[in-house]
């Protein structure tokens, strides 16, 4: 068996991270580079597709340099993609056609409303396990075809490709030889039949999309081609895994039991539970996705997302409320309560279980005695309660009681937020001390795809955890929830 290190690349919302994993020693080295994005108008969030390729290579180079290695030392690469971020490009030279529409982007709201009037929302839910919503990729693909000069003509000529951050980067790294994704990523498009793990022809027709535009569906851990030597300096490096970022983190966290919830906090928060080999019946509130397809076994997940977590904190910092993201935790802990201040940080809409895509953030209850600490507490409490609503909804769909929440991602370094999460849920929150769980999951899956690791090996890569136990009683928790529900009733329907 060939040896060598494994490289996991995570396409995050604000950074791209590469992690080098030595499968023998377990040692890891990671480096991140900034991932630019722009917001040309309210509700529009986009990237330059080329930045996904550039930052992937820059982060990989930085991580390898830090480990004292080169591409020749790499056995295999795994990608963790942004899921719903969608783009189009030209086959052959791979040049991008228009912007990459972020998972945060809401520009297709009117298109989704129009499709719902024709009953497409019912078809989407029945076939895919998700809702007809601008969050998912199908309407974004349609928007690119309708609004980007040359896209429709290229599609007519059979020279247009669409996909996510993974498909674009794989296409470019392999010189156009591989246009592929995995079934889990496909399940986040609103175009993939959940039970068959294949593109649904009726949905393709409903969105007016040619199946020839779509990437081939391949196993999560498997063959995604070989990176061109021009990128590696001559080394032969295989791409052997492709996973959704949230699912890669769940895999690295070892969340394989129904009672264990995984919560990845980043630009947004992605909260899910592995439901095993059978999907739960979609209820129209929580999306059902394919988690991964490994060794011919497909597993499913039940998920909810909070669209603004790190981005909400960053907005408050950038507009001058706080000096830094790190300061929010200390400020929040400096006051005994929120002083009657409430915030619903729904900057890009309220997701499950409310599904109000046009909702906007709101801050109420301020008086002359309000301090920055009260506002910081209201912000972090708002994030904690939005996440807690999803965790509670997941718990209601589970046959057994929830046992714990396993958390990872940058905002988990905010001790106040994690303690508050444990308090309002009445559940222990175990925070991974490995900062880059998503990139680690991508590297581990690459090892499986390359035949260098097996699922039975995963336990030895389990991260160290810091545990936050609930500290408040049932009465205080009930009062806090009542205050939150009042805030949502007041602000949750506010639309731009």
Protein backbone atom coordinates (compact mmCIF):
# COMPACT_ATOMS: atom_id res chain seq x y z
CA UNK A 1 0.00 0.00 0.00
CA UNK A 2 1.31 3.45 -0.86
CA UNK A 3 2.11 5.71 2.07
CA UNK A 4 2.04 9.47 2.42
CA UNK A 5 0.16 12.22 4.20
CA UNK A 6 -3.46 13.09 3.64
CA UNK A 7 -4.64 16.58 2.78
CA UNK A 8 -8.10 17.87 3.67
CA UNK A 9 -9.31 21.15 2.15
CA UNK A 10 -12.31 22.96 3.64
CA UNK A 11 -14.14 25.63 1.62
CA UNK A 12 -15.44 27.80 4.45
CA UNK A 13 -17.60 30.89 4.24
CA UNK A 14 -14.79 33.33 5.05
CA UNK A 15 -11.64 31.19 4.86
CA UNK A 16 -10.32 28.16 3.03
CA UNK A 17 -8.43 25.78 5.30
CA UNK A 18 -6.04 22.98 4.43
CA UNK A 19 -5.02 20.34 6.97
CA UNK A 20 -2.15 17.89 6.58
CA UNK A 21 -2.72 14.60 8.43
CA UNK A 22 -0.08 11.94 8.97
CA UNK A 23 -2.20 8.78 9.26
CA UNK A 24 0.57 6.95 11.10
CA UNK A 25 1.45 9.46 13.82
CA UNK A 26 -1.85 11.37 13.83
CA UNK A 27 0.03 14.67 13.70
CA UNK A 28 -1.76 17.54 12.00
CA UNK A 29 -0.78 20.89 10.55
CA UNK A 30 -3.36 23.36 9.26
CA UNK A 31 -3.31 26.75 7.61
CA UNK A 32 -6.10 29.05 6.44
CA UNK A 33 -6.31 31.81 3.86
CA UNK A 34 -9.05 34.41 3.43
CA UNK A 35 -11.89 33.57 1.06
CA UNK A 36 -13.24 36.84 -0.41
CA UNK A 37 -16.95 37.39 -0.87
CA UNK A 38 -19.06 40.34 -1.91
CA UNK A 39 -22.59 41.55 -1.23
CA UNK A 40 -23.51 43.72 -4.23
CA UNK A 41 -27.01 44.36 -2.88
CA UNK A 42 -29.26 43.32 -0.03
CA UNK A 43 -29.81 39.57 -0.03
CA UNK A 44 -27.10 38.92 -2.62
CA UNK A 45 -23.93 37.12 -1.48
CA UNK A 46 -21.42 35.91 -4.03
CA UNK A 47 -17.83 34.84 -4.69
CA UNK A 48 -15.50 34.76 -7.67
CA UNK A 49 -15.43 31.04 -8.57
CA UNK A 50 -11.73 31.26 -9.35
CA UNK A 51 -11.07 32.14 -5.71
CA UNK A 52 -12.09 28.64 -4.66
CA UNK A 53 -9.31 27.16 -6.79
CA UNK A 54 -6.78 29.82 -5.80
CA UNK A 55 -7.43 29.60 -2.06
CA UNK A 56 -7.46 25.79 -2.15
CA UNK A 57 -3.97 25.77 -3.64
CA UNK A 58 -2.70 28.61 -1.44
CA UNK A 59 -3.94 26.97 1.77
CA UNK A 60 -2.56 23.57 0.71
CA UNK A 61 0.82 25.09 -0.06
CA UNK A 62 0.92 26.92 3.27
CA UNK A 63 -0.04 23.80 5.26
CA UNK A 64 2.52 21.65 3.46
CA UNK A 65 5.24 24.28 3.95
CA UNK A 66 4.42 24.47 7.67
CA UNK A 67 4.74 20.68 7.91
CA UNK A 68 8.04 20.73 6.00
CA UNK A 69 6.51 18.75 3.15
CA UNK A 70 5.74 19.11 -0.56
CA UNK A 71 3.03 17.82 -2.88
CA UNK A 72 5.23 14.77 -3.51
CA UNK A 73 4.58 13.69 0.09
CA UNK A 74 0.79 13.74 -0.36
CA UNK A 75 -0.98 10.44 -0.93
CA UNK A 76 -4.51 11.77 -1.38
CA UNK A 77 -6.70 14.86 -1.11
CA UNK A 78 -10.25 15.26 0.20
CA UNK A 79 -12.47 18.29 -0.34
CA UNK A 80 -15.14 19.63 2.01
CA UNK A 81 -17.48 21.86 0.04
CA UNK A 82 -19.94 24.62 0.86
CA UNK A 83 -22.96 22.52 -0.05
CA UNK A 84 -25.42 24.95 -1.59
CA UNK A 85 -22.97 27.50 -3.04
CA UNK A 86 -23.56 27.24 -6.80
CA UNK A 87 -21.76 28.26 -9.98
CA UNK A 88 -21.44 27.66 -13.70
CA UNK A 89 -18.39 27.31 -15.91
CA UNK A 90 -17.37 26.41 -19.41
CA UNK A 91 -16.16 22.92 -20.19
CA UNK A 92 -12.74 22.64 -21.75
CA UNK A 93 -10.82 25.57 -20.33
CA UNK A 94 -13.06 25.63 -17.26
CA UNK A 95 -13.54 29.40 -17.29
CA UNK A 96 -16.20 30.59 -14.84
CA UNK A 97 -19.50 31.88 -16.23
CA UNK A 98 -20.84 34.46 -13.79
CA UNK A 99 -20.43 34.59 -10.01
CA UNK A 100 -20.63 31.80 -7.49
CA UNK A 101 -23.91 32.30 -5.62
CA UNK A 102 -23.30 31.67 -1.93
CA UNK A 103 -25.47 29.42 0.23
CA UNK A 104 -26.33 32.69 2.00
CA UNK A 105 -27.70 34.24 -1.21
CA UNK A 106 -31.44 34.98 -1.35
CA UNK A 107 -31.82 36.49 -4.81
CA UNK A 108 -33.98 33.64 -6.10
CA UNK A 109 -36.82 34.17 -3.60
CA UNK A 110 -39.24 35.43 -6.27
CA UNK A 111 -38.34 32.52 -8.57
CA UNK A 112 -39.04 30.03 -5.78
CA UNK A 113 -42.39 31.70 -5.07
CA UNK A 114 -43.28 31.43 -8.76
CA UNK A 115 -42.34 27.74 -8.87
CA UNK A 116 -44.36 27.08 -5.71
CA UNK A 117 -47.44 28.48 -7.41
CA UNK A 118 -47.01 25.71 -10.01
CA UNK A 119 -46.75 23.01 -7.33
CA UNK A 120 -43.01 22.46 -7.69
CA UNK A 121 -42.61 22.83 -3.91
CA UNK A 122 -44.63 19.64 -3.37
CA UNK A 123 -42.53 17.73 -5.88
CA UNK A 124 -39.30 18.98 -4.30
CA UNK A 125 -40.35 17.88 -0.83
CA UNK A 126 -41.58 14.46 -1.96
CA UNK A 127 -38.51 13.58 -4.01
CA UNK A 128 -35.65 15.31 -2.21
CA UNK A 129 -36.47 15.69 1.49
CA UNK A 130 -35.83 19.45 1.37
CA UNK A 131 -37.94 22.55 0.82
CA UNK A 132 -38.24 24.77 -2.21
CA UNK A 133 -36.10 27.62 -0.89
CA UNK A 134 -33.41 29.99 -2.26
CA UNK A 135 -30.96 28.27 0.10
CA UNK A 136 -30.73 25.22 -2.16
CA UNK A 137 -28.89 25.09 -5.49
CA UNK A 138 -31.59 24.37 -8.07
CA UNK A 139 -32.97 27.90 -8.27
CA UNK A 140 -29.43 29.30 -8.28
CA UNK A 141 -28.54 27.20 -11.35
CA UNK A 142 -31.69 28.50 -13.03
CA UNK A 143 -30.77 32.10 -12.15
CA UNK A 144 -27.31 31.72 -13.68
CA UNK A 145 -28.81 30.39 -16.92
CA UNK A 146 -31.33 33.21 -17.08
CA UNK A 147 -29.14 36.12 -16.05
CA UNK A 148 -25.52 35.52 -17.07
CA UNK A 149 -24.58 36.49 -20.61
CA UNK A 150 -23.48 33.45 -22.68
CA UNK A 151 -24.69 30.87 -20.12
CA UNK A 152 -27.78 29.83 -22.06
CA UNK A 153 -25.86 29.71 -25.37
CA UNK A 154 -23.13 27.56 -23.83
CA UNK A 155 -25.78 25.24 -22.41
CA UNK A 156 -27.37 24.90 -25.85
CA UNK A 157 -23.96 23.97 -27.27
CA UNK A 158 -23.39 21.40 -24.52
CA UNK A 159 -20.40 23.33 -23.20
CA UNK A 160 -21.75 24.51 -19.83
CA UNK A 161 -21.22 22.80 -16.50
CA UNK A 162 -22.85 23.62 -13.18
CA UNK A 163 -22.10 22.49 -9.66
CA UNK A 164 -20.79 23.47 -6.26
CA UNK A 165 -17.42 24.55 -4.96
CA UNK A 166 -16.26 20.93 -5.08
CA UNK A 167 -17.26 20.21 -8.68
CA UNK A 168 -15.62 23.40 -9.94
CA UNK A 169 -12.34 22.80 -8.11
CA UNK A 170 -12.22 19.11 -9.05
CA UNK A 171 -12.88 20.02 -12.69
CA UNK A 172 -10.07 22.57 -12.66
CA UNK A 173 -7.59 20.42 -10.73
CA UNK A 174 -8.10 17.50 -13.11
CA UNK A 175 -7.94 19.65 -16.25
CA UNK A 176 -11.61 19.07 -17.02
CA UNK A 177 -11.30 15.28 -16.87
CA UNK A 178 -13.73 14.90 -13.96
CA UNK A 179 -17.04 16.69 -13.51
CA UNK A 180 -18.39 15.03 -10.38
CA UNK A 181 -19.80 15.40 -6.89
CA UNK A 182 -21.02 12.98 -4.25
CA UNK A 183 -24.63 12.07 -3.45
CA UNK A 184 -24.60 14.04 -0.20
CA UNK A 185 -23.69 17.26 -1.99
CA UNK A 186 -26.24 16.44 -4.67
CA UNK A 187 -28.92 16.05 -1.99
CA UNK A 188 -28.48 19.74 -1.15
CA UNK A 189 -29.48 20.95 -4.62
CA UNK A 190 -33.23 20.12 -4.49
CA UNK A 191 -32.62 18.08 -7.66
CA UNK A 192 -31.48 14.69 -6.35
CA UNK A 193 -33.85 11.83 -5.56
CA UNK A 194 -33.17 11.15 -1.89
CA UNK A 195 -33.76 7.42 -1.95
CA UNK A 196 -32.10 6.62 -5.28
CA UNK A 197 -29.12 8.93 -4.86
CA UNK A 198 -29.48 10.08 -8.48
CA UNK A 199 -30.63 13.20 -10.32
CA UNK A 200 -34.41 13.25 -10.61
CA UNK A 201 -35.59 13.80 -14.21
CA UNK A 202 -38.93 15.34 -13.15
CA UNK A 203 -37.16 17.91 -10.99
CA UNK A 204 -34.69 18.70 -13.75
CA UNK A 205 -37.67 19.39 -16.02
CA UNK A 206 -39.44 21.48 -13.35
CA UNK A 207 -36.43 23.79 -13.06
CA UNK A 208 -35.78 23.77 -16.81
CA UNK A 209 -32.34 22.21 -16.44
CA UNK A 210 -30.64 19.81 -18.85
CA UNK A 211 -29.26 16.72 -17.03
CA UNK A 212 -26.11 17.11 -19.14
CA UNK A 213 -25.21 20.19 -17.10
CA UNK A 214 -24.97 18.25 -13.88
CA UNK A 215 -21.94 16.58 -12.29
CA UNK A 216 -21.69 12.81 -12.16
CA UNK A 217 -22.64 11.30 -8.79
CA UNK A 218 -19.78 9.34 -7.21
CA UNK A 219 -19.20 7.80 -3.74
CA UNK A 220 -18.11 10.23 -1.02
CA UNK A 221 -14.88 8.32 -0.51
CA UNK A 222 -13.61 7.15 -3.90
CA UNK A 223 -12.08 8.21 -7.19
CA UNK A 224 -12.36 11.87 -8.19
CA UNK A 225 -9.40 11.88 -10.54
CA UNK A 226 -5.77 12.94 -10.37
CA UNK A 227 -4.53 16.48 -9.88
CA UNK A 228 -2.58 17.84 -12.86
CA UNK A 229 1.16 17.90 -12.37
CA UNK A 230 1.23 21.62 -13.16
CA UNK A 231 -0.44 22.19 -9.78
CA UNK A 232 1.65 19.71 -7.78
CA UNK A 233 5.05 20.30 -9.34
CA UNK A 234 5.16 16.83 -10.84
CA UNK A 235 3.78 14.72 -8.00
CA UNK A 236 0.94 12.31 -8.72
CA UNK A 237 -1.83 13.14 -6.23
CA UNK A 238 -5.27 11.55 -6.24
CA UNK A 239 -8.50 13.22 -5.13
CA UNK A 240 -10.24 10.48 -3.16
CA UNK A 241 -13.01 12.21 -1.20
CA UNK A 242 -15.64 14.87 -1.63
CA UNK A 243 -18.03 15.77 1.19
CA UNK A 244 -20.31 18.56 2.33
CA UNK A 245 -18.50 20.62 4.97
CA UNK A 246 -21.09 19.96 7.69
CA UNK A 247 -21.01 16.23 6.98
CA UNK A 248 -17.20 16.10 6.99
CA UNK A 249 -17.24 17.64 10.48
CA UNK A 250 -19.90 15.16 11.60
CA UNK A 251 -17.75 12.29 10.33
CA UNK A 252 -14.69 13.58 12.18
CA UNK A 253 -16.77 14.05 15.35
CA UNK A 254 -17.79 10.38 15.22
CA UNK A 255 -21.50 11.24 15.34
CA UNK A 256 -22.98 7.93 14.27
CA UNK A 257 -25.60 7.42 17.01
CA UNK A 258 -29.13 8.92 16.86
CA UNK A 259 -28.90 10.68 20.24
CA UNK A 260 -25.70 12.59 19.46
CA UNK A 261 -26.16 15.95 17.73
CA UNK A 262 -23.36 17.59 15.77
CA UNK A 263 -23.26 21.39 15.62
CA UNK A 264 -20.71 23.18 13.46
CA UNK A 265 -20.56 26.91 14.18
CA UNK A 266 -19.03 29.12 11.50
CA UNK A 267 -20.47 31.82 9.26
CA UNK A 268 -23.72 30.01 10.00
CA UNK A 269 -24.44 26.99 12.20
CA UNK A 270 -25.19 23.57 10.76
CA UNK A 271 -26.79 21.19 13.20
CA UNK A 272 -27.55 17.58 12.36
CA UNK A 273 -27.93 14.04 13.55
CA UNK A 274 -27.06 10.83 11.74
CA UNK A 275 -30.24 8.77 11.23
CA UNK A 276 -28.52 5.72 9.78
CA UNK A 277 -29.31 3.73 6.65
CA UNK A 278 -32.92 4.95 6.35
CA UNK A 279 -34.04 8.57 5.94
CA UNK A 280 -36.70 9.96 8.26
CA UNK A 281 -39.88 11.04 6.54
CA UNK A 282 -39.57 14.73 5.54
CA UNK A 283 -41.87 16.98 7.57
CA UNK A 284 -41.40 20.26 5.73
CA UNK A 285 -39.50 21.82 8.64
CA UNK A 286 -36.15 20.05 8.86
CA UNK A 287 -34.34 19.02 5.66
CA UNK A 288 -33.34 15.40 5.19
CA UNK A 289 -30.00 14.85 3.44
CA UNK A 290 -27.71 12.05 2.45
CA UNK A 291 -24.79 12.20 4.91
CA UNK A 292 -22.30 10.20 2.85
CA UNK A 293 -21.89 7.14 0.64
CA UNK A 294 -18.98 5.01 1.86
CA UNK A 295 -18.19 1.45 0.78
CA UNK A 296 -21.57 1.16 -0.91
CA UNK A 297 -23.48 2.16 2.23
CA UNK A 298 -25.53 5.34 2.16
CA UNK A 299 -26.36 7.02 5.47
CA UNK A 300 -28.76 9.90 6.07
CA UNK A 301 -28.94 12.97 8.23
CA UNK A 302 -31.59 15.29 9.61
CA UNK A 303 -30.37 18.88 9.63
CA UNK A 304 -31.24 22.43 10.48
CA UNK A 305 -29.20 25.55 9.75
CA UNK A 306 -28.91 28.97 11.38
CA UNK A 307 -27.86 31.28 8.59
CA UNK A 308 -26.09 33.98 10.63
CA UNK A 309 -23.73 33.09 13.48
CA UNK A 310 -20.17 34.22 12.79
CA UNK A 311 -21.52 36.61 10.17
CA UNK A 312 -23.87 38.19 12.76
CA UNK A 313 -21.00 38.66 15.21
CA UNK A 314 -18.79 40.07 12.44
CA UNK A 315 -21.51 42.53 11.43
CA UNK A 316 -21.76 43.81 15.00
CA UNK A 317 -17.97 44.24 15.11
CA UNK A 318 -17.70 45.87 11.68
CA UNK A 319 -20.43 48.39 12.49
CA UNK A 320 -18.72 49.41 15.72
CA UNK A 321 -20.84 47.76 18.41
CA UNK A 322 -17.88 45.74 19.70
CA UNK A 323 -14.09 45.96 19.39
CA UNK A 324 -13.70 42.33 18.30
CA UNK A 325 -15.52 39.03 18.06
CA UNK A 326 -13.49 37.77 21.02
CA UNK A 327 -14.72 40.68 23.17
CA UNK A 328 -18.38 39.66 22.89
CA UNK A 329 -18.05 36.73 25.27
CA UNK A 330 -16.43 38.75 28.06
CA UNK A 331 -18.94 41.57 27.60
CA UNK A 332 -21.88 39.17 27.74
CA UNK A 333 -20.51 37.53 30.89
CA UNK A 334 -20.02 40.93 32.56
CA UNK A 335 -23.77 41.45 33.10
CA UNK A 336 -26.16 39.22 35.08
CA UNK A 337 -28.83 39.27 32.35
CA UNK A 338 -29.68 41.01 29.10
CA UNK A 339 -31.33 43.94 30.84
CA UNK A 340 -34.51 43.35 28.88
CA UNK A 341 -32.68 43.63 25.54
CA UNK A 342 -33.54 41.01 22.94
CA UNK A 343 -32.03 40.31 19.53
CA UNK A 344 -33.12 37.99 16.74
CA UNK A 345 -29.97 37.88 14.55
CA UNK A 346 -31.77 36.74 11.39
CA UNK A 347 -29.67 38.85 9.02
CA UNK A 348 -30.33 36.55 6.06
CA UNK A 349 -33.67 35.09 7.05
CA UNK A 350 -35.03 32.70 9.65
CA UNK A 351 -34.45 29.07 8.78
CA UNK A 352 -35.89 25.93 10.39
CA UNK A 353 -38.28 25.61 12.05
CA UNK A 354 -39.71 29.02 10.99
CA UNK A 355 -38.65 29.17 7.30
CA UNK A 356 -39.07 32.93 6.82
CA UNK A 357 -36.52 33.73 4.11
CA UNK A 358 -37.39 37.44 4.01
CA UNK A 359 -37.02 37.96 7.79
CA UNK A 360 -34.42 40.47 8.92
CA UNK A 361 -32.53 40.94 12.18
CA UNK A 362 -33.93 43.06 14.98
CA UNK A 363 -32.76 44.51 18.31
CA UNK A 364 -35.32 45.76 20.85
CA UNK A 365 -35.71 46.59 24.52
CA UNK A 366 -32.90 49.15 24.90
CA UNK A 367 -33.08 51.90 27.49
CA UNK A 368 -30.73 54.56 28.82
CA UNK A 369 -29.22 52.01 31.20
CA UNK A 370 -28.40 49.56 28.36
CA UNK A 371 -24.68 48.76 28.13
CA UNK A 372 -22.57 47.03 25.47
CA UNK A 373 -22.67 43.98 27.74
CA UNK A 374 -26.45 43.78 27.48
CA UNK A 375 -26.29 44.03 23.69
CA UNK A 376 -23.53 41.40 23.48
CA UNK A 377 -25.57 39.10 25.68
CA UNK A 378 -28.69 39.62 23.56
CA UNK A 379 -26.71 38.82 20.40
CA UNK A 380 -25.14 35.62 21.74
CA UNK A 381 -28.38 34.54 23.41
CA UNK A 382 -30.16 35.03 20.08
CA UNK A 383 -27.65 32.76 18.37
CA UNK A 384 -27.91 30.16 21.14
CA UNK A 385 -31.71 30.10 21.03
CA UNK A 386 -31.87 29.85 17.23
CA UNK A 387 -29.54 26.84 17.43
CA UNK A 388 -31.50 25.43 20.37
CA UNK A 389 -34.75 25.60 18.39
CA UNK A 390 -33.21 23.39 15.73
CA UNK A 391 -31.75 20.99 18.29
CA UNK A 392 -35.17 20.73 19.96
CA UNK A 393 -36.86 20.10 16.59
CA UNK A 394 -34.33 17.36 15.83
CA UNK A 395 -35.04 15.85 19.24
CA UNK A 396 -38.76 15.73 18.51
CA UNK A 397 -38.09 13.73 15.35
CA UNK A 398 -35.86 11.22 17.12
CA UNK A 399 -37.15 8.00 18.63
CA UNK A 400 -34.86 8.33 21.66
CA UNK A 401 -33.90 11.29 23.82
CA UNK A 402 -30.97 13.48 22.83
CA UNK A 403 -27.89 12.79 24.92
CA UNK A 404 -25.36 15.48 24.00
CA UNK A 405 -24.31 18.08 21.48
CA UNK A 406 -20.84 17.87 19.92
CA UNK A 407 -19.71 21.26 18.69
CA UNK A 408 -16.88 22.58 16.55
CA UNK A 409 -15.93 25.67 14.57
CA UNK A 410 -14.53 29.13 15.30
CA UNK A 411 -17.43 30.55 17.39
CA UNK A 412 -17.14 27.60 19.81
CA UNK A 413 -14.11 29.40 21.28
CA UNK A 414 -16.66 31.82 22.79
CA UNK A 415 -17.14 30.23 26.22
CA UNK A 416 -20.21 32.33 27.03
CA UNK A 417 -21.96 31.16 23.85
CA UNK A 418 -21.20 27.49 24.52
CA UNK A 419 -22.27 27.69 28.17
CA UNK A 420 -25.47 29.46 27.15
CA UNK A 421 -26.10 26.75 24.55
CA UNK A 422 -25.84 24.09 27.23
CA UNK A 423 -28.04 26.07 29.62
CA UNK A 424 -30.95 26.74 27.28
CA UNK A 425 -30.95 23.16 25.98
CA UNK A 426 -30.43 21.42 29.29
CA UNK A 427 -27.88 19.22 27.51
CA UNK A 428 -24.10 18.91 27.79
CA UNK A 429 -22.20 20.55 24.96
CA UNK A 430 -18.87 18.89 24.11
CA UNK A 431 -16.61 21.29 22.22
CA UNK A 432 -13.87 19.87 20.05
CA UNK A 433 -10.42 21.20 20.89
CA UNK A 434 -9.36 20.56 17.29
CA UNK A 435 -9.98 23.84 15.51
CA UNK A 436 -10.33 22.41 12.01
CA UNK A 437 -12.76 19.50 12.27
CA UNK A 438 -14.17 19.97 8.77
CA UNK A 439 -10.75 19.80 7.11
CA UNK A 440 -9.88 16.85 9.35
CA UNK A 441 -13.03 15.04 8.23
CA UNK A 442 -12.10 15.67 4.59
CA UNK A 443 -8.61 14.23 5.21
CA UNK A 444 -10.00 11.15 6.99
CA UNK A 445 -12.45 10.49 4.17
CA UNK A 446 -9.59 10.88 1.68
CA UNK A 447 -7.70 8.20 3.59
CA UNK A 448 -10.68 5.84 3.30
CA UNK A 449 -11.07 6.63 -0.39
CA UNK A 450 -7.39 5.91 -0.96
CA UNK A 451 -7.54 2.60 0.93
CA UNK A 452 -5.10 3.99 3.49
CA UNK A 453 -7.61 4.12 6.35
CA UNK A 454 -10.76 2.25 7.33
CA UNK A 455 -13.81 3.28 9.30
CA UNK A 456 -12.54 1.13 12.16
CA UNK A 457 -9.51 3.45 12.38
CA UNK A 458 -11.54 6.57 13.12
CA UNK A 459 -11.60 6.23 16.90
CA UNK A 460 -7.88 6.94 17.21
CA UNK A 461 -8.35 10.32 15.52
CA UNK A 462 -11.13 11.40 17.92
CA UNK A 463 -10.53 14.97 19.15
CA UNK A 464 -10.15 16.08 22.76
CA UNK A 465 -13.34 17.66 24.10
CA UNK A 466 -14.19 20.42 26.57
CA UNK A 467 -17.53 19.81 28.25
CA UNK A 468 -20.04 22.54 29.13
CA UNK A 469 -22.69 21.19 31.53
CA UNK A 470 -26.01 23.01 32.07
CA UNK A 471 -25.85 25.34 35.09
CA UNK A 472 -29.39 26.72 35.32
CA UNK A 473 -32.54 25.12 36.65
CA UNK A 474 -35.77 24.29 34.89
CA UNK A 475 -37.60 27.44 36.05
CA UNK A 476 -34.88 29.80 34.83
CA UNK A 477 -34.67 27.88 31.55
CA UNK A 478 -38.45 28.13 31.06
CA UNK A 479 -38.37 31.89 31.68
CA UNK A 480 -35.51 32.33 29.22
CA UNK A 481 -37.43 30.43 26.54
CA UNK A 482 -40.54 32.54 27.15
CA UNK A 483 -38.45 35.70 26.67
CA UNK A 484 -37.03 34.29 23.42
CA UNK A 485 -40.47 33.35 22.07
CA UNK A 486 -41.66 36.87 22.79
CA UNK A 487 -38.66 38.25 20.87
CA UNK A 488 -39.38 36.04 17.86
CA UNK A 489 -43.06 37.00 17.89
CA UNK A 490 -42.05 40.67 17.93
CA UNK A 491 -39.19 40.59 15.44
CA UNK A 492 -39.36 37.31 13.53
CA UNK A 493 -41.84 38.61 10.97
CA UNK A 494 -39.92 41.80 10.20
CA UNK A 495 -39.11 41.82 6.50
CA UNK A 496 -37.03 44.09 4.31
